[in-house]
Structures are given as structure tokens and as C-alpha cells.
Amino acid sequence: MLRWTIIFIVIAIIAGVLGFGGIAGTSAGIAKIFFFIFLILFVFSLLKGLIKK
């Protein structure tokens, strides 16, 4: 999940540099969504690991 976040951030940066504002904004938005999903899954797996022990 974190890999997809990094990919979309790179796409957003490249699109922003080249002047494609719409694509950059969309890619940044998708990257934010993936990042928050990653954080939620990460916290969930940490809590699951702590409860198992």
C-alpha cells in the first residue's frame, strides 16, 4: 500500500512540473487516500499483534 502511495506522489510531482495541474491534483488525492488506508491497516496490524501476545 505504501508503494502505491509513493508511486502516485511521484506521478503528481512529475505532472506538476510538466504543467498538468489536473492530473497532479488527482494523483495527489489518490496518494492521500492510499496513505490513510495504509496507516489504518498498519495500526490495525499493530494492535492485532499486541493482542495476540
N, C-alpha and C. Protein backbone atom coordinates (compact mmCIF):
# COMPACT_ATOMS: atom_id res chain seq x y z
N MET A 1 0.82 -1.18 0.00
CA MET A 1 0.00 0.00 0.00
C MET A 1 0.87 1.25 0.00
N LEU A 2 1.93 1.21 0.79
CA LEU A 2 2.82 2.35 0.83
C LEU A 2 3.51 2.55 -0.51
N ARG A 3 3.75 1.46 -1.21
CA ARG A 3 4.38 1.55 -2.53
C ARG A 3 3.49 2.32 -3.50
N TRP A 4 2.17 2.06 -3.47
CA TRP A 4 1.25 2.78 -4.35
C TRP A 4 1.21 4.27 -4.01
N THR A 5 1.29 4.58 -2.71
CA THR A 5 1.31 5.98 -2.29
C THR A 5 2.51 6.70 -2.87
N ILE A 6 3.67 6.07 -2.79
CA ILE A 6 4.88 6.68 -3.32
C ILE A 6 4.79 6.84 -4.84
N ILE A 7 4.24 5.84 -5.53
CA ILE A 7 4.10 5.92 -6.98
C ILE A 7 3.22 7.10 -7.37
N PHE A 8 2.08 7.28 -6.69
CA PHE A 8 1.18 8.37 -7.04
C PHE A 8 1.76 9.72 -6.66
N ILE A 9 2.55 9.79 -5.60
CA ILE A 9 3.20 11.05 -5.26
C ILE A 9 4.21 11.43 -6.34
N VAL A 10 4.97 10.46 -6.82
CA VAL A 10 5.93 10.73 -7.89
C VAL A 10 5.20 11.17 -9.15
N ILE A 11 4.10 10.52 -9.49
CA ILE A 11 3.31 10.92 -10.66
C ILE A 11 2.81 12.35 -10.49
N ALA A 12 2.34 12.68 -9.29
CA ALA A 12 1.85 14.03 -9.03
C ALA A 12 2.96 15.07 -9.17
N ILE A 13 4.14 14.76 -8.67
CA ILE A 13 5.26 15.70 -8.77
C ILE A 13 5.66 15.90 -10.23
N ILE A 14 5.78 14.81 -10.97
CA ILE A 14 6.16 14.92 -12.38
C ILE A 14 5.10 15.68 -13.17
N ALA A 15 3.84 15.36 -12.94
CA ALA A 15 2.76 16.06 -13.65
C ALA A 15 2.72 17.53 -13.28
N GLY A 16 2.99 17.85 -12.02
CA GLY A 16 3.02 19.25 -11.60
C GLY A 16 4.14 20.02 -12.26
N VAL A 17 5.30 19.40 -12.37
CA VAL A 17 6.45 20.05 -13.01
C VAL A 17 6.18 20.28 -14.49
N LEU A 18 5.52 19.33 -15.13
CA LEU A 18 5.23 19.45 -16.55
C LEU A 18 4.02 20.33 -16.85
N GLY A 19 3.32 20.77 -15.83
CA GLY A 19 2.20 21.69 -16.01
C GLY A 19 0.84 21.04 -16.15
N PHE A 20 0.72 19.79 -15.84
CA PHE A 20 -0.58 19.11 -15.90
C PHE A 20 -1.22 19.19 -14.51
N GLY A 21 -1.87 20.29 -14.23
CA GLY A 21 -2.43 20.54 -12.90
C GLY A 21 -3.52 19.57 -12.50
N GLY A 22 -4.39 19.22 -13.44
CA GLY A 22 -5.49 18.31 -13.13
C GLY A 22 -5.00 16.91 -12.77
N ILE A 23 -4.06 16.43 -13.54
CA ILE A 23 -3.50 15.10 -13.27
C ILE A 23 -2.72 15.12 -11.96
N ALA A 24 -1.99 16.20 -11.72
CA ALA A 24 -1.21 16.30 -10.48
C ALA A 24 -2.13 16.31 -9.26
N GLY A 25 -3.21 17.06 -9.34
CA GLY A 25 -4.15 17.12 -8.23
C GLY A 25 -4.83 15.79 -7.97
N THR A 26 -5.21 15.12 -9.05
CA THR A 26 -5.85 13.81 -8.92
C THR A 26 -4.89 12.79 -8.33
N SER A 27 -3.66 12.78 -8.82
CA SER A 27 -2.67 11.83 -8.31
C SER A 27 -2.36 12.10 -6.84
N ALA A 28 -2.28 13.36 -6.47
CA ALA A 28 -2.03 13.69 -5.07
C ALA A 28 -3.20 13.25 -4.19
N GLY A 29 -4.41 13.41 -4.68
CA GLY A 29 -5.59 12.97 -3.93
C GLY A 29 -5.61 11.46 -3.74
N ILE A 30 -5.29 10.73 -4.80
CA ILE A 30 -5.23 9.27 -4.70
C ILE A 30 -4.13 8.85 -3.74
N ALA A 31 -2.99 9.54 -3.79
CA ALA A 31 -1.89 9.22 -2.88
C ALA A 31 -2.30 9.44 -1.42
N LYS A 32 -3.06 10.49 -1.16
CA LYS A 32 -3.54 10.74 0.21
C LYS A 32 -4.45 9.62 0.68
N ILE A 33 -5.36 9.19 -0.20
CA ILE A 33 -6.29 8.11 0.16
C ILE A 33 -5.52 6.84 0.47
N PHE A 34 -4.57 6.47 -0.41
CA PHE A 34 -3.78 5.26 -0.17
C PHE A 34 -2.97 5.37 1.11
N PHE A 35 -2.45 6.56 1.39
CA PHE A 35 -1.65 6.73 2.59
C PHE A 35 -2.49 6.52 3.85
N PHE A 36 -3.69 7.07 3.87
CA PHE A 36 -4.54 6.89 5.05
C PHE A 36 -5.01 5.44 5.19
N ILE A 37 -5.28 4.78 4.08
CA ILE A 37 -5.63 3.36 4.15
C ILE A 37 -4.45 2.57 4.71
N PHE A 38 -3.23 2.90 4.24
CA PHE A 38 -2.04 2.25 4.75
C PHE A 38 -1.90 2.47 6.26
N LEU A 39 -2.11 3.70 6.72
CA LEU A 39 -1.99 3.98 8.16
C LEU A 39 -3.01 3.19 8.97
N ILE A 40 -4.24 3.12 8.49
CA ILE A 40 -5.28 2.38 9.21
C ILE A 40 -4.92 0.90 9.28
N LEU A 41 -4.48 0.33 8.16
CA LEU A 41 -4.11 -1.08 8.16
C LEU A 41 -2.88 -1.34 9.03
N PHE A 42 -1.94 -0.41 9.05
CA PHE A 42 -0.75 -0.55 9.87
C PHE A 42 -1.09 -0.54 11.35
N VAL A 43 -1.92 0.40 11.77
CA VAL A 43 -2.34 0.47 13.17
C VAL A 43 -3.13 -0.78 13.55
N PHE A 44 -4.00 -1.22 12.65
CA PHE A 44 -4.78 -2.43 12.91
C PHE A 44 -3.87 -3.64 13.10
N SER A 45 -2.86 -3.77 12.25
CA SER A 45 -1.97 -4.92 12.38
C SER A 45 -1.11 -4.82 13.64
N LEU A 46 -0.74 -3.62 14.04
CA LEU A 46 0.00 -3.46 15.30
C LEU A 46 -0.86 -3.88 16.49
N LEU A 47 -2.10 -3.41 16.51
CA LEU A 47 -2.99 -3.78 17.61
C LEU A 47 -3.26 -5.28 17.62
N LYS A 48 -3.44 -5.86 16.45
CA LYS A 48 -3.66 -7.30 16.37
C LYS A 48 -2.46 -8.07 16.89
N GLY A 49 -1.26 -7.61 16.59
CA GLY A 49 -0.05 -8.26 17.06
C GLY A 49 0.11 -8.13 18.57
N LEU A 50 -0.28 -6.98 19.12
CA LEU A 50 -0.17 -6.78 20.57
C LEU A 50 -1.18 -7.63 21.32
N ILE A 51 -2.35 -7.80 20.75
CA ILE A 51 -3.39 -8.58 21.42
C ILE A 51 -3.05 -10.06 21.41
N LYS A 52 -2.40 -10.55 20.34
CA LYS A 52 -2.04 -11.97 20.24
C LYS A 52 -1.05 -12.40 21.30
N LYS A 53 -0.15 -11.52 21.68
CA LYS A 53 0.92 -11.90 22.64
C LYS A 53 0.45 -11.90 24.04
